[in-house]
PDB file of all heavy atoms in Angstrom:
ATOM      1  N   ASN A   1       7.442   4.461 -14.616  1.00  0.00           N
ATOM      2  CA  ASN A   1       8.524   5.226 -13.950  1.00  0.00           C
ATOM      3  C   ASN A   1       8.788   4.738 -12.531  1.00  0.00           C
ATOM      4  O   ASN A   1       9.708   5.260 -11.880  1.00  0.00           O
ATOM      5  CB  ASN A   1       8.223   6.722 -13.946  1.00  0.00           C
ATOM      6  CG  ASN A   1       6.850   7.032 -13.369  1.00  0.00           C
ATOM      7  OD1 ASN A   1       6.165   6.143 -12.817  1.00  0.00           O
ATOM      8  ND2 ASN A   1       6.430   8.279 -13.458  1.00  0.00           N
ATOM      9  N   SER A   2       8.005   3.798 -11.976  1.00  0.00           N
ATOM     10  CA  SER A   2       8.239   3.252 -10.675  1.00  0.00           C
ATOM     11  C   SER A   2       8.986   1.975 -10.695  1.00  0.00           C
ATOM     12  O   SER A   2       9.480   1.548  -9.643  1.00  0.00           O
ATOM     13  CB  SER A   2       6.913   3.134  -9.920  1.00  0.00           C
ATOM     14  OG  SER A   2       6.110   2.110 -10.520  1.00  0.00           O
ATOM     15  N   ILE A   3       9.058   1.311 -11.825  1.00  0.00           N
ATOM     16  CA  ILE A   3       9.643  -0.046 -11.921  1.00  0.00           C
ATOM     17  C   ILE A   3      11.109  -0.092 -11.522  1.00  0.00           C
ATOM     18  O   ILE A   3      11.529  -1.052 -10.804  1.00  0.00           O
ATOM     19  CB  ILE A   3       9.424  -0.637 -13.318  1.00  0.00           C
ATOM     20  CG1 ILE A   3       7.938  -0.769 -13.630  1.00  0.00           C
ATOM     21  CG2 ILE A   3      10.122  -1.995 -13.480  1.00  0.00           C
ATOM     22  CD1 ILE A   3       7.220  -1.643 -12.667  1.00  0.00           C
ATOM     23  N   PRO A   4      11.957   0.889 -11.874  1.00  0.00           N
ATOM     24  CA  PRO A   4      13.372   0.769 -11.477  1.00  0.00           C
ATOM     25  C   PRO A   4      13.616   0.762  -9.995  1.00  0.00           C
ATOM     26  O   PRO A   4      14.679   0.307  -9.560  1.00  0.00           O
ATOM     27  CB  PRO A   4      14.001   2.038 -12.127  1.00  0.00           C
ATOM     28  CG  PRO A   4      13.088   2.390 -13.258  1.00  0.00           C
ATOM     29  CD  PRO A   4      11.729   2.049 -12.766  1.00  0.00           C
ATOM     30  N   TYR A   5      12.663   1.255  -9.204  1.00  0.00           N
ATOM     31  CA  TYR A   5      12.872   1.407  -7.765  1.00  0.00           C
ATOM     32  C   TYR A   5      12.225   0.285  -6.977  1.00  0.00           C
ATOM     33  O   TYR A   5      12.337   0.256  -5.734  1.00  0.00           O
ATOM     34  CB  TYR A   5      12.329   2.745  -7.264  1.00  0.00           C
ATOM     35  CG  TYR A   5      12.864   3.921  -8.058  1.00  0.00           C
ATOM     36  CD1 TYR A   5      12.029   4.576  -8.947  1.00  0.00           C
ATOM     37  CD2 TYR A   5      14.171   4.352  -7.888  1.00  0.00           C
ATOM     38  CE1 TYR A   5      12.540   5.666  -9.687  1.00  0.00           C
ATOM     39  CE2 TYR A   5      14.648   5.442  -8.610  1.00  0.00           C
ATOM     40  CZ  TYR A   5      13.833   6.085  -9.488  1.00  0.00           C
ATOM     41  OH  TYR A   5      14.278   7.155 -10.216  1.00  0.00           O
ATOM     42  N   LEU A   6      11.494  -0.659  -7.631  1.00  0.00           N
ATOM     43  CA  LEU A   6      10.792  -1.702  -6.932  1.00  0.00           C
ATOM     44  C   LEU A   6      11.397  -3.057  -7.216  1.00  0.00           C
ATOM     45  O   LEU A   6      11.943  -3.288  -8.264  1.00  0.00           O
ATOM     46  CB  LEU A   6       9.289  -1.708  -7.338  1.00  0.00           C
ATOM     47  CG  LEU A   6       8.511  -0.437  -7.006  1.00  0.00           C
ATOM     48  CD1 LEU A   6       7.115  -0.528  -7.555  1.00  0.00           C
ATOM     49  CD2 LEU A   6       8.461  -0.205  -5.508  1.00  0.00           C
ATOM     50  N   LYS A   7      11.276  -3.940  -6.233  1.00  0.00           N
ATOM     51  CA  LYS A   7      11.728  -5.316  -6.419  1.00  0.00           C
ATOM     52  C   LYS A   7      10.857  -6.238  -5.617  1.00  0.00           C
ATOM     53  O   LYS A   7      10.069  -5.809  -4.753  1.00  0.00           O
ATOM     54  CB  LYS A   7      13.207  -5.435  -5.966  1.00  0.00           C
ATOM     55  CG  LYS A   7      13.431  -5.178  -4.477  1.00  0.00           C
ATOM     56  CD  LYS A   7      14.892  -5.296  -4.133  1.00  0.00           C
ATOM     57  CE  LYS A   7      15.161  -5.138  -2.637  1.00  0.00           C
ATOM     58  NZ  LYS A   7      14.654  -3.842  -2.138  1.00  0.00           N
ATOM     59  N   ILE A   8      10.959  -7.528  -5.914  1.00  0.00           N
ATOM     60  CA  ILE A   8      10.220  -8.528  -5.199  1.00  0.00           C
ATOM     61  C   ILE A   8      10.658  -8.557  -3.710  1.00  0.00           C
ATOM     62  O   ILE A   8      11.841  -8.530  -3.443  1.00  0.00           O
ATOM     63  CB  ILE A   8      10.420  -9.915  -5.828  1.00  0.00           C
ATOM     64  CG1 ILE A   8       9.879  -9.932  -7.226  1.00  0.00           C
ATOM     65  CG2 ILE A   8       9.764 -11.023  -4.973  1.00  0.00           C
ATOM     66  CD1 ILE A   8      10.167 -11.193  -8.023  1.00  0.00           C
ATOM     67  N   GLY A   9       9.709  -8.576  -2.809  1.00  0.00           N
ATOM     68  CA  GLY A   9       9.956  -8.542  -1.394  1.00  0.00           C
ATOM     69  C   GLY A   9       9.710  -7.199  -0.738  1.00  0.00           C
ATOM     70  O   GLY A   9       9.759  -7.088   0.493  1.00  0.00           O
ATOM     71  N   ASP A  10       9.536  -6.131  -1.555  1.00  0.00           N
ATOM     72  CA  ASP A  10       9.300  -4.806  -0.998  1.00  0.00           C
ATOM     73  C   ASP A  10       7.947  -4.760  -0.283  1.00  0.00           C
ATOM     74  O   ASP A  10       6.962  -5.392  -0.693  1.00  0.00           O
ATOM     75  CB  ASP A  10       9.310  -3.748  -2.093  1.00  0.00           C
ATOM     76  CG  ASP A  10      10.713  -3.445  -2.582  1.00  0.00           C
ATOM     77  OD1 ASP A  10      11.691  -3.904  -1.920  1.00  0.00           O
ATOM     78  OD2 ASP A  10      10.862  -2.705  -3.564  1.00  0.00           O
ATOM     79  N   SER A  11       7.864  -3.968   0.769  1.00  0.00           N
ATOM     80  CA  SER A  11       6.675  -3.821   1.559  1.00  0.00           C
ATOM     81  C   SER A  11       5.885  -2.608   1.106  1.00  0.00           C
ATOM     82  O   SER A  11       6.467  -1.620   0.676  1.00  0.00           O
ATOM     83  CB  SER A  11       6.995  -3.703   3.064  1.00  0.00           C
ATOM     84  OG  SER A  11       7.630  -4.857   3.562  1.00  0.00           O
ATOM     85  N   ILE A  12       4.557  -2.699   1.141  1.00  0.00           N
ATOM     86  CA  ILE A  12       3.672  -1.615   0.809  1.00  0.00           C
ATOM     87  C   ILE A  12       2.610  -1.451   1.893  1.00  0.00           C
ATOM     88  O   ILE A  12       2.429  -2.321   2.724  1.00  0.00           O
ATOM     89  CB  ILE A  12       3.009  -1.829  -0.569  1.00  0.00           C
ATOM     90  CG1 ILE A  12       2.046  -3.013  -0.518  1.00  0.00           C
ATOM     91  CG2 ILE A  12       4.049  -2.012  -1.651  1.00  0.00           C
ATOM     92  CD1 ILE A  12       1.163  -3.113  -1.737  1.00  0.00           C
ATOM     93  N   ASN A  13       1.915  -0.330   1.863  1.00  0.00           N
ATOM     94  CA  ASN A  13       0.785  -0.074   2.758  1.00  0.00           C
ATOM     95  C   ASN A  13      -0.523  -0.099   1.937  1.00  0.00           C
ATOM     96  O   ASN A  13      -0.573   0.486   0.856  1.00  0.00           O
ATOM     97  CB  ASN A  13       0.910   1.255   3.459  1.00  0.00           C
ATOM     98  CG  ASN A  13       2.111   1.294   4.387  1.00  0.00           C
ATOM     99  OD1 ASN A  13       2.577   0.264   4.836  1.00  0.00           O
ATOM    100  ND2 ASN A  13       2.565   2.476   4.735  1.00  0.00           N
ATOM    101  N   ILE A  14      -1.487  -0.805   2.450  1.00  0.00           N
ATOM    102  CA  ILE A  14      -2.766  -0.992   1.746  1.00  0.00           C
ATOM    103  C   ILE A  14      -3.900  -0.302   2.489  1.00  0.00           C
ATOM    104  O   ILE A  14      -4.040  -0.440   3.691  1.00  0.00           O
ATOM    105  CB  ILE A  14      -3.097  -2.491   1.576  1.00  0.00           C
ATOM    106  CG1 ILE A  14      -1.956  -3.234   0.891  1.00  0.00           C
ATOM    107  CG2 ILE A  14      -4.369  -2.690   0.763  1.00  0.00           C
ATOM    108  CD1 ILE A  14      -2.113  -4.742   0.885  1.00  0.00           C
ATOM    109  N   ARG A  15      -4.706   0.470   1.724  1.00  0.00           N
ATOM    110  CA  ARG A  15      -5.914   1.100   2.269  1.00  0.00           C
ATOM    111  C   ARG A  15      -7.108   0.615   1.417  1.00  0.00           C
ATOM    112  O   ARG A  15      -7.167   0.890   0.210  1.00  0.00           O
ATOM    113  CB  ARG A  15      -5.837   2.618   2.230  1.00  0.00           C
ATOM    114  CG  ARG A  15      -4.659   3.202   3.025  1.00  0.00           C
ATOM    115  CD  ARG A  15      -4.782   4.716   3.120  1.00  0.00           C
ATOM    116  NE  ARG A  15      -4.642   5.341   1.809  1.00  0.00           N
ATOM    117  CZ  ARG A  15      -3.548   5.889   1.384  1.00  0.00           C
ATOM    118  NH1 ARG A  15      -2.468   5.935   2.152  1.00  0.00           N
ATOM    119  NH2 ARG A  15      -3.500   6.486   0.172  1.00  0.00           N
ATOM    120  N   TYR A  16      -8.015  -0.079   2.047  1.00  0.00           N
ATOM    121  CA  TYR A  16      -9.190  -0.608   1.351  1.00  0.00           C
ATOM    122  C   TYR A  16     -10.310   0.453   1.299  1.00  0.00           C
ATOM    123  O   TYR A  16     -10.565   1.148   2.271  1.00  0.00           O
ATOM    124  CB  TYR A  16      -9.740  -1.863   2.035  1.00  0.00           C
ATOM    125  CG  TYR A  16      -8.720  -2.970   2.097  1.00  0.00           C
ATOM    126  CD1 TYR A  16      -8.053  -3.305   3.283  1.00  0.00           C
ATOM    127  CD2 TYR A  16      -8.409  -3.689   0.964  1.00  0.00           C
ATOM    128  CE1 TYR A  16      -7.146  -4.321   3.318  1.00  0.00           C
ATOM    129  CE2 TYR A  16      -7.463  -4.714   0.995  1.00  0.00           C
ATOM    130  CZ  TYR A  16      -6.812  -5.026   2.190  1.00  0.00           C
ATOM    131  OH  TYR A  16      -5.911  -6.038   2.228  1.00  0.00           O
ATOM    132  N   ASP A  17     -10.944   0.553   0.130  1.00  0.00           N
ATOM    133  CA  ASP A  17     -12.007   1.544  -0.056  1.00  0.00           C
ATOM    134  C   ASP A  17     -13.166   1.250   0.857  1.00  0.00           C
ATOM    135  O   ASP A  17     -13.817   2.179   1.358  1.00  0.00           O
ATOM    136  CB  ASP A  17     -12.463   1.572  -1.497  1.00  0.00           C
ATOM    137  CG  ASP A  17     -11.408   2.090  -2.443  1.00  0.00           C
ATOM    138  OD1 ASP A  17     -10.296   2.503  -1.961  1.00  0.00           O
ATOM    139  OD2 ASP A  17     -11.638   2.121  -3.683  1.00  0.00           O
ATOM    140  N   ALA A  18     -13.458  -0.004   1.108  1.00  0.00           N
ATOM    141  CA  ALA A  18     -14.603  -0.397   1.963  1.00  0.00           C
ATOM    142  C   ALA A  18     -14.358  -0.187   3.436  1.00  0.00           C
ATOM    143  O   ALA A  18     -15.284  -0.172   4.221  1.00  0.00           O
ATOM    144  CB  ALA A  18     -14.994  -1.843   1.679  1.00  0.00           C
ATOM    145  N   PHE A  19     -13.067  -0.059   3.803  1.00  0.00           N
ATOM    146  CA  PHE A  19     -12.686   0.118   5.169  1.00  0.00           C
ATOM    147  C   PHE A  19     -11.809   1.380   5.288  1.00  0.00           C
ATOM    148  O   PHE A  19     -10.581   1.303   5.142  1.00  0.00           O
ATOM    149  CB  PHE A  19     -11.936  -1.100   5.715  1.00  0.00           C
ATOM    150  CG  PHE A  19     -12.627  -2.418   5.426  1.00  0.00           C
ATOM    151  CD1 PHE A  19     -12.018  -3.351   4.596  1.00  0.00           C
ATOM    152  CD2 PHE A  19     -13.886  -2.669   5.957  1.00  0.00           C
ATOM    153  CE1 PHE A  19     -12.633  -4.546   4.329  1.00  0.00           C
ATOM    154  CE2 PHE A  19     -14.505  -3.863   5.670  1.00  0.00           C
ATOM    155  CZ  PHE A  19     -13.920  -4.828   4.867  1.00  0.00           C
ATOM    156  N   PRO A  20     -12.455   2.537   5.542  1.00  0.00           N
ATOM    157  CA  PRO A  20     -11.693   3.800   5.508  1.00  0.00           C
ATOM    158  C   PRO A  20     -10.505   3.760   6.438  1.00  0.00           C
ATOM    159  O   PRO A  20     -10.560   3.245   7.556  1.00  0.00           O
ATOM    160  CB  PRO A  20     -12.746   4.829   6.010  1.00  0.00           C
ATOM    161  CG  PRO A  20     -14.074   4.216   5.645  1.00  0.00           C
ATOM    162  CD  PRO A  20     -13.890   2.727   5.834  1.00  0.00           C
ATOM    163  N   ALA A  21      -9.403   4.366   5.936  1.00  0.00           N
ATOM    164  CA  ALA A  21      -8.146   4.307   6.671  1.00  0.00           C
ATOM    165  C   ALA A  21      -8.209   5.109   7.980  1.00  0.00           C
ATOM    166  O   ALA A  21      -7.481   4.800   8.928  1.00  0.00           O
ATOM    167  CB  ALA A  21      -7.004   4.879   5.811  1.00  0.00           C
ATOM    168  N   ASP A  22      -9.087   6.138   8.071  1.00  0.00           N
ATOM    169  CA  ASP A  22      -9.170   6.914   9.313  1.00  0.00           C
ATOM    170  C   ASP A  22      -9.739   6.099  10.451  1.00  0.00           C
ATOM    171  O   ASP A  22      -9.546   6.464  11.637  1.00  0.00           O
ATOM    172  CB  ASP A  22      -9.970   8.161   9.081  1.00  0.00           C
ATOM    173  CG  ASP A  22     -11.350   7.870   8.550  1.00  0.00           C
ATOM    174  OD1 ASP A  22     -11.589   6.763   8.062  1.00  0.00           O
ATOM    175  OD2 ASP A  22     -12.222   8.786   8.604  1.00  0.00           O
ATOM    176  N   LYS A  23     -10.442   5.006  10.147  1.00  0.00           N
ATOM    177  CA  LYS A  23     -11.014   4.168  11.205  1.00  0.00           C
ATOM    178  C   LYS A  23     -10.285   2.835  11.336  1.00  0.00           C
ATOM    179  O   LYS A  23     -10.040   2.362  12.450  1.00  0.00           O
ATOM    180  CB  LYS A  23     -12.498   3.895  10.967  1.00  0.00           C
ATOM    181  CG  LYS A  23     -13.380   5.127  11.148  1.00  0.00           C
ATOM    182  CD  LYS A  23     -14.853   4.769  10.968  1.00  0.00           C
ATOM    183  CE  LYS A  23     -15.754   5.975  11.208  1.00  0.00           C
ATOM    184  NZ  LYS A  23     -15.721   6.373  12.612  1.00  0.00           N
ATOM    185  N   PHE A  24      -9.923   2.242  10.173  1.00  0.00           N
ATOM    186  CA  PHE A  24      -9.325   0.918  10.204  1.00  0.00           C
ATOM    187  C   PHE A  24      -7.800   0.946  10.028  1.00  0.00           C
ATOM    188  O   PHE A  24      -7.156  -0.072  10.224  1.00  0.00           O
ATOM    189  CB  PHE A  24      -9.964   0.037   9.090  1.00  0.00           C
ATOM    190  CG  PHE A  24     -11.446  -0.194   9.281  1.00  0.00           C
ATOM    191  CD1 PHE A  24     -12.355   0.691   8.736  1.00  0.00           C
ATOM    192  CD2 PHE A  24     -11.888  -1.250  10.009  1.00  0.00           C
ATOM    193  CE1 PHE A  24     -13.718   0.462   8.878  1.00  0.00           C
ATOM    194  CE2 PHE A  24     -13.255  -1.486  10.178  1.00  0.00           C
ATOM    195  CZ  PHE A  24     -14.165  -0.622   9.602  1.00  0.00           C
ATOM    196  N   GLY A  25      -7.269   2.070   9.622  1.00  0.00           N
ATOM    197  CA  GLY A  25      -5.823   2.175   9.424  1.00  0.00           C
ATOM    198  C   GLY A  25      -5.378   1.530   8.118  1.00  0.00           C
ATOM    199  O   GLY A  25      -6.164   1.170   7.258  1.00  0.00           O
ATOM    200  N   GLN A  26      -4.083   1.381   7.986  1.00  0.00           N
ATOM    201  CA  GLN A  26      -3.441   0.748   6.836  1.00  0.00           C
ATOM    202  C   GLN A  26      -3.013  -0.653   7.156  1.00  0.00           C
ATOM    203  O   GLN A  26      -2.770  -0.992   8.298  1.00  0.00           O
ATOM    204  CB  GLN A  26      -2.256   1.584   6.342  1.00  0.00           C
ATOM    205  CG  GLN A  26      -2.604   3.021   5.986  1.00  0.00           C
ATOM    206  CD  GLN A  26      -1.404   3.776   5.419  1.00  0.00           C
ATOM    207  OE1 GLN A  26      -1.341   4.040   4.230  1.00  0.00           O
ATOM    208  NE2 GLN A  26      -0.480   4.171   6.281  1.00  0.00           N
TER     209      GLN A  26
END
């Protein structure tokens, strides 16, 4: 259900499990 709204080149935010977002951010 997310495919119609996404395309190549879109930006995303990544949060790594090993580096908590509250300390390292996105």
